[in-house]
Amino acid sequence: MDHDAYHHYHAVNLRAQTANASPVQLVLILLDGLLEELARTRAHIEGHRFTEKARSLDKCVDILNGLSSALDTERGGEVVANLARLYEYCTWRLYRAGGELDVAMVDEVVGLLQTLRGGWQGVQAQDARRVGAGAAHV
């Protein structure tokens, strides 16, 4: 496989996806990327590829930090505080997973993030219904 071509395609595709994305769509894109990287992290742990595991975990933590830094803590209330705690917990578990080479901890984070992703998909569906209802009244 030509990795350079794949990475170029992936970068172009990502730019296209994010160009006109709503904030909710951007969160979903980041979560999808994070879940993909977590799958690679798990494979690196299982394959005893420790350098790649470290790079992959760094990418995961960077995405979690990005999600966390985008939170509006002044206006978000309890929901945002809970999201911040969840991102912090996931980061802590990933650091432990990397140190202990424990894929179960990676799987735990994947499960939490898949649940979170489902919630964001629900928000996206509500937004779409709201927009659709608004367009019907025009």
C-alpha atoms as a PDB file:
ATOM      1  CA  MET A   1       0.000   0.000   0.000  1.00  0.00           C
ATOM      2  CA  ASP A   2       1.247   3.485  -0.851  1.00  0.00           C
ATOM      3  CA  HIS A   3       1.058   5.190   2.555  1.00  0.00           C
ATOM      4  CA  ASP A   4       1.836   8.643   1.158  1.00  0.00           C
ATOM      5  CA  ALA A   5      -1.089   8.424  -1.257  1.00  0.00           C
ATOM      6  CA  TYR A   6      -3.382   7.181   1.511  1.00  0.00           C
ATOM      7  CA  HIS A   7      -2.383  10.005   3.863  1.00  0.00           C
ATOM      8  CA  HIS A   8      -2.832  12.568   1.080  1.00  0.00           C
ATOM      9  CA  TYR A   9      -6.296  11.206   0.264  1.00  0.00           C
ATOM     10  CA  HIS A  10      -7.202  11.181   3.953  1.00  0.00           C
ATOM     11  CA  ALA A  11      -6.057  14.814   4.386  1.00  0.00           C
ATOM     12  CA  VAL A  12      -8.005  15.989   1.321  1.00  0.00           C
ATOM     13  CA  ASN A  13     -11.086  14.075   2.455  1.00  0.00           C
ATOM     14  CA  LEU A  14     -10.836  15.551   5.953  1.00  0.00           C
ATOM     15  CA  ARG A  15     -10.552  19.104   4.574  1.00  0.00           C
ATOM     16  CA  ALA A  16     -13.632  18.492   2.437  1.00  0.00           C
ATOM     17  CA  GLN A  17     -15.604  17.154   5.402  1.00  0.00           C
ATOM     18  CA  THR A  18     -14.701  20.040   7.695  1.00  0.00           C
ATOM     19  CA  ALA A  19     -15.035  22.903   5.212  1.00  0.00           C
ATOM     20  CA  ASN A  20     -18.751  23.492   5.829  1.00  0.00           C
ATOM     21  CA  ALA A  21     -19.324  21.355   8.901  1.00  0.00           C
ATOM     22  CA  SER A  22     -21.438  22.511  11.816  1.00  0.00           C
ATOM     23  CA  PRO A  23     -19.941  22.416  15.322  1.00  0.00           C
ATOM     24  CA  VAL A  24     -21.742  19.135  16.003  1.00  0.00           C
ATOM     25  CA  GLN A  25     -20.449  17.638  12.751  1.00  0.00           C
ATOM     26  CA  LEU A  26     -16.918  18.724  13.693  1.00  0.00           C
ATOM     27  CA  VAL A  27     -17.212  16.947  17.043  1.00  0.00           C
ATOM     28  CA  LEU A  28     -18.407  13.809  15.245  1.00  0.00           C
ATOM     29  CA  ILE A  29     -15.500  14.011  12.802  1.00  0.00           C
ATOM     30  CA  LEU A  30     -13.053  14.321  15.706  1.00  0.00           C
ATOM     31  CA  LEU A  31     -14.670  11.424  17.543  1.00  0.00           C
ATOM     32  CA  ASP A  32     -14.516   9.271  14.415  1.00  0.00           C
ATOM     33  CA  GLY A  33     -10.822  10.086  14.022  1.00  0.00           C
ATOM     34  CA  LEU A  34     -10.233   9.346  17.679  1.00  0.00           C
ATOM     35  CA  LEU A  35     -12.009   5.989  17.457  1.00  0.00           C
ATOM     36  CA  GLU A  36      -9.946   5.080  14.390  1.00  0.00           C
ATOM     37  CA  GLU A  37      -6.736   5.987  16.188  1.00  0.00           C
ATOM     38  CA  LEU A  38      -7.798   3.992  19.242  1.00  0.00           C
ATOM     39  CA  ALA A  39      -8.200   0.938  17.004  1.00  0.00           C
ATOM     40  CA  ARG A  40      -4.629   1.491  15.780  1.00  0.00           C
ATOM     41  CA  THR A  41      -3.442   1.954  19.377  1.00  0.00           C
ATOM     42  CA  ARG A  42      -5.014  -1.349  20.352  1.00  0.00           C
ATOM     43  CA  ALA A  43      -3.381  -3.107  17.398  1.00  0.00           C
ATOM     44  CA  HIS A  44       0.017  -1.601  18.260  1.00  0.00           C
ATOM     45  CA  ILE A  45      -0.260  -2.834  21.850  1.00  0.00           C
ATOM     46  CA  GLU A  46      -1.243  -6.307  20.700  1.00  0.00           C
ATOM     47  CA  GLY A  47       1.524  -6.323  18.091  1.00  0.00           C
ATOM     48  CA  HIS A  48       4.157  -5.134  20.575  1.00  0.00           C
ATOM     49  CA  ARG A  49       4.928  -2.119  18.365  1.00  0.00           C
ATOM     50  CA  PHE A  50       5.766   0.174  21.229  1.00  0.00           C
ATOM     51  CA  THR A  51       7.063   3.173  19.297  1.00  0.00           C
ATOM     52  CA  GLU A  52       3.927   3.219  17.141  1.00  0.00           C
ATOM     53  CA  LYS A  53       1.781   2.694  20.246  1.00  0.00           C
ATOM     54  CA  ALA A  54       3.323   5.772  21.838  1.00  0.00           C
ATOM     55  CA  ARG A  55       2.735   7.894  18.720  1.00  0.00           C
ATOM     56  CA  SER A  56      -0.807   6.641  18.431  1.00  0.00           C
ATOM     57  CA  LEU A  57      -1.564   7.359  22.081  1.00  0.00           C
ATOM     58  CA  ASP A  58      -0.142  10.867  21.657  1.00  0.00           C
ATOM     59  CA  LYS A  59      -2.542  11.451  18.755  1.00  0.00           C
ATOM     60  CA  CYS A  60      -5.458  10.197  20.853  1.00  0.00           C
ATOM     61  CA  VAL A  61      -4.558  12.482  23.737  1.00  0.00           C
ATOM     62  CA  ASP A  62      -4.139  15.409  21.338  1.00  0.00           C
ATOM     63  CA  ILE A  63      -7.654  14.843  19.996  1.00  0.00           C
ATOM     64  CA  LEU A  64      -9.072  14.535  23.516  1.00  0.00           C
ATOM     65  CA  ASN A  65      -7.290  17.757  24.493  1.00  0.00           C
ATOM     66  CA  GLY A  66      -8.704  19.447  21.400  1.00  0.00           C
ATOM     67  CA  LEU A  67     -12.220  18.333  22.262  1.00  0.00           C
ATOM     68  CA  SER A  68     -11.744  19.479  25.834  1.00  0.00           C
ATOM     69  CA  SER A  69     -10.299  22.873  24.907  1.00  0.00           C
ATOM     70  CA  ALA A  70     -13.294  23.566  22.643  1.00  0.00           C
ATOM     71  CA  LEU A  71     -15.733  23.265  25.551  1.00  0.00           C
ATOM     72  CA  ASP A  72     -17.447  26.485  26.610  1.00  0.00           C
ATOM     73  CA  THR A  73     -17.022  26.098  30.354  1.00  0.00           C
ATOM     74  CA  GLU A  74     -18.557  29.494  31.112  1.00  0.00           C
ATOM     75  CA  ARG A  75     -21.887  28.819  29.402  1.00  0.00           C
ATOM     76  CA  GLY A  76     -22.022  25.028  29.215  1.00  0.00           C
ATOM     77  CA  GLY A  77     -23.058  24.250  32.736  1.00  0.00           C
ATOM     78  CA  GLU A  78     -23.148  20.723  34.102  1.00  0.00           C
ATOM     79  CA  VAL A  79     -23.108  19.026  30.689  1.00  0.00           C
ATOM     80  CA  VAL A  80     -19.837  20.689  29.727  1.00  0.00           C
ATOM     81  CA  ALA A  81     -18.329  19.985  33.148  1.00  0.00           C
ATOM     82  CA  ASN A  82     -19.241  16.311  32.719  1.00  0.00           C
ATOM     83  CA  LEU A  83     -17.733  16.227  29.230  1.00  0.00           C
ATOM     84  CA  ALA A  84     -14.524  17.781  30.556  1.00  0.00           C
ATOM     85  CA  ARG A  85     -14.343  15.113  33.267  1.00  0.00           C
ATOM     86  CA  LEU A  86     -15.024  12.370  30.718  1.00  0.00           C
ATOM     87  CA  TYR A  87     -12.230  13.603  28.417  1.00  0.00           C
ATOM     88  CA  GLU A  88      -9.873  13.825  31.397  1.00  0.00           C
ATOM     89  CA  TYR A  89     -10.795  10.307  32.515  1.00  0.00           C
ATOM     90  CA  CYS A  90     -10.275   8.929  28.991  1.00  0.00           C
ATOM     91  CA  THR A  91      -6.862  10.599  28.832  1.00  0.00           C
ATOM     92  CA  TRP A  92      -5.876   9.110  32.199  1.00  0.00           C
ATOM     93  CA  ARG A  93      -7.036   5.631  31.137  1.00  0.00           C
ATOM     94  CA  LEU A  94      -5.086   5.851  27.882  1.00  0.00           C
ATOM     95  CA  TYR A  95      -1.906   6.840  29.723  1.00  0.00           C
ATOM     96  CA  ARG A  96      -2.395   3.834  31.994  1.00  0.00           C
ATOM     97  CA  ALA A  97      -3.181   1.567  29.033  1.00  0.00           C
ATOM     98  CA  GLY A  98       0.049   2.645  27.373  1.00  0.00           C
ATOM     99  CA  GLY A  99       2.104   2.084  30.480  1.00  0.00           C
ATOM    100  CA  GLU A 100       0.548  -1.226  31.401  1.00  0.00           C
ATOM    101  CA  LEU A 101       0.041  -2.397  27.784  1.00  0.00           C
ATOM    102  CA  ASP A 102      -3.584  -3.147  28.641  1.00  0.00           C
ATOM    103  CA  VAL A 103      -5.991  -3.272  25.685  1.00  0.00           C
ATOM    104  CA  ALA A 104      -8.939  -3.606  28.085  1.00  0.00           C
ATOM    105  CA  MET A 105      -8.384   0.018  29.120  1.00  0.00           C
ATOM    106  CA  VAL A 106      -8.357   1.068  25.462  1.00  0.00           C
ATOM    107  CA  ASP A 107     -11.580  -0.892  24.951  1.00  0.00           C
ATOM    108  CA  GLU A 108     -13.131   0.886  27.937  1.00  0.00           C
ATOM    109  CA  VAL A 109     -12.330   4.274  26.412  1.00  0.00           C
ATOM    110  CA  VAL A 110     -13.697   3.127  23.039  1.00  0.00           C
ATOM    111  CA  GLY A 111     -16.961   2.113  24.711  1.00  0.00           C
ATOM    112  CA  LEU A 112     -17.294   5.450  26.483  1.00  0.00           C
ATOM    113  CA  LEU A 113     -16.572   7.400  23.312  1.00  0.00           C
ATOM    114  CA  GLN A 114     -18.976   5.307  21.228  1.00  0.00           C
ATOM    115  CA  THR A 115     -21.711   6.100  23.739  1.00  0.00           C
ATOM    116  CA  LEU A 116     -20.779   9.777  23.597  1.00  0.00           C
ATOM    117  CA  ARG A 117     -20.768   9.658  19.797  1.00  0.00           C
ATOM    118  CA  GLY A 118     -24.295   8.244  19.879  1.00  0.00           C
ATOM    119  CA  GLY A 119     -25.373  11.213  21.969  1.00  0.00           C
ATOM    120  CA  TRP A 120     -23.837  13.661  19.498  1.00  0.00           C
ATOM    121  CA  GLN A 121     -25.586  11.829  16.651  1.00  0.00           C
ATOM    122  CA  GLY A 122     -28.844  12.398  18.537  1.00  0.00           C
ATOM    123  CA  VAL A 123     -28.087  16.109  18.785  1.00  0.00           C
ATOM    124  CA  GLN A 124     -27.316  16.184  15.065  1.00  0.00           C
ATOM    125  CA  ALA A 125     -30.635  14.451  14.289  1.00  0.00           C
ATOM    126  CA  GLN A 126     -32.527  16.973  16.459  1.00  0.00           C
ATOM    127  CA  ASP A 127     -30.816  19.839  14.649  1.00  0.00           C
ATOM    128  CA  ALA A 128     -31.750  18.334  11.287  1.00  0.00           C
ATOM    129  CA  ARG A 129     -35.396  17.956  12.368  1.00  0.00           C
ATOM    130  CA  ARG A 130     -35.435  21.539  13.637  1.00  0.00           C
ATOM    131  CA  VAL A 131     -33.993  22.842  10.365  1.00  0.00           C
ATOM    132  CA  GLY A 132     -36.419  20.705   8.372  1.00  0.00           C
ATOM    133  CA  ALA A 133     -39.380  21.934  10.407  1.00  0.00           C
ATOM    134  CA  GLY A 134     -38.232  25.528   9.938  1.00  0.00           C
ATOM    135  CA  ALA A 135     -37.935  25.093   6.179  1.00  0.00           C
ATOM    136  CA  ALA A 136     -41.448  23.610   6.028  1.00  0.00           C
ATOM    137  CA  HIS A 137     -42.886  26.781   7.601  1.00  0.00           C
ATOM    138  CA  VAL A 138     -41.225  29.158   5.159  1.00  0.00           C
END
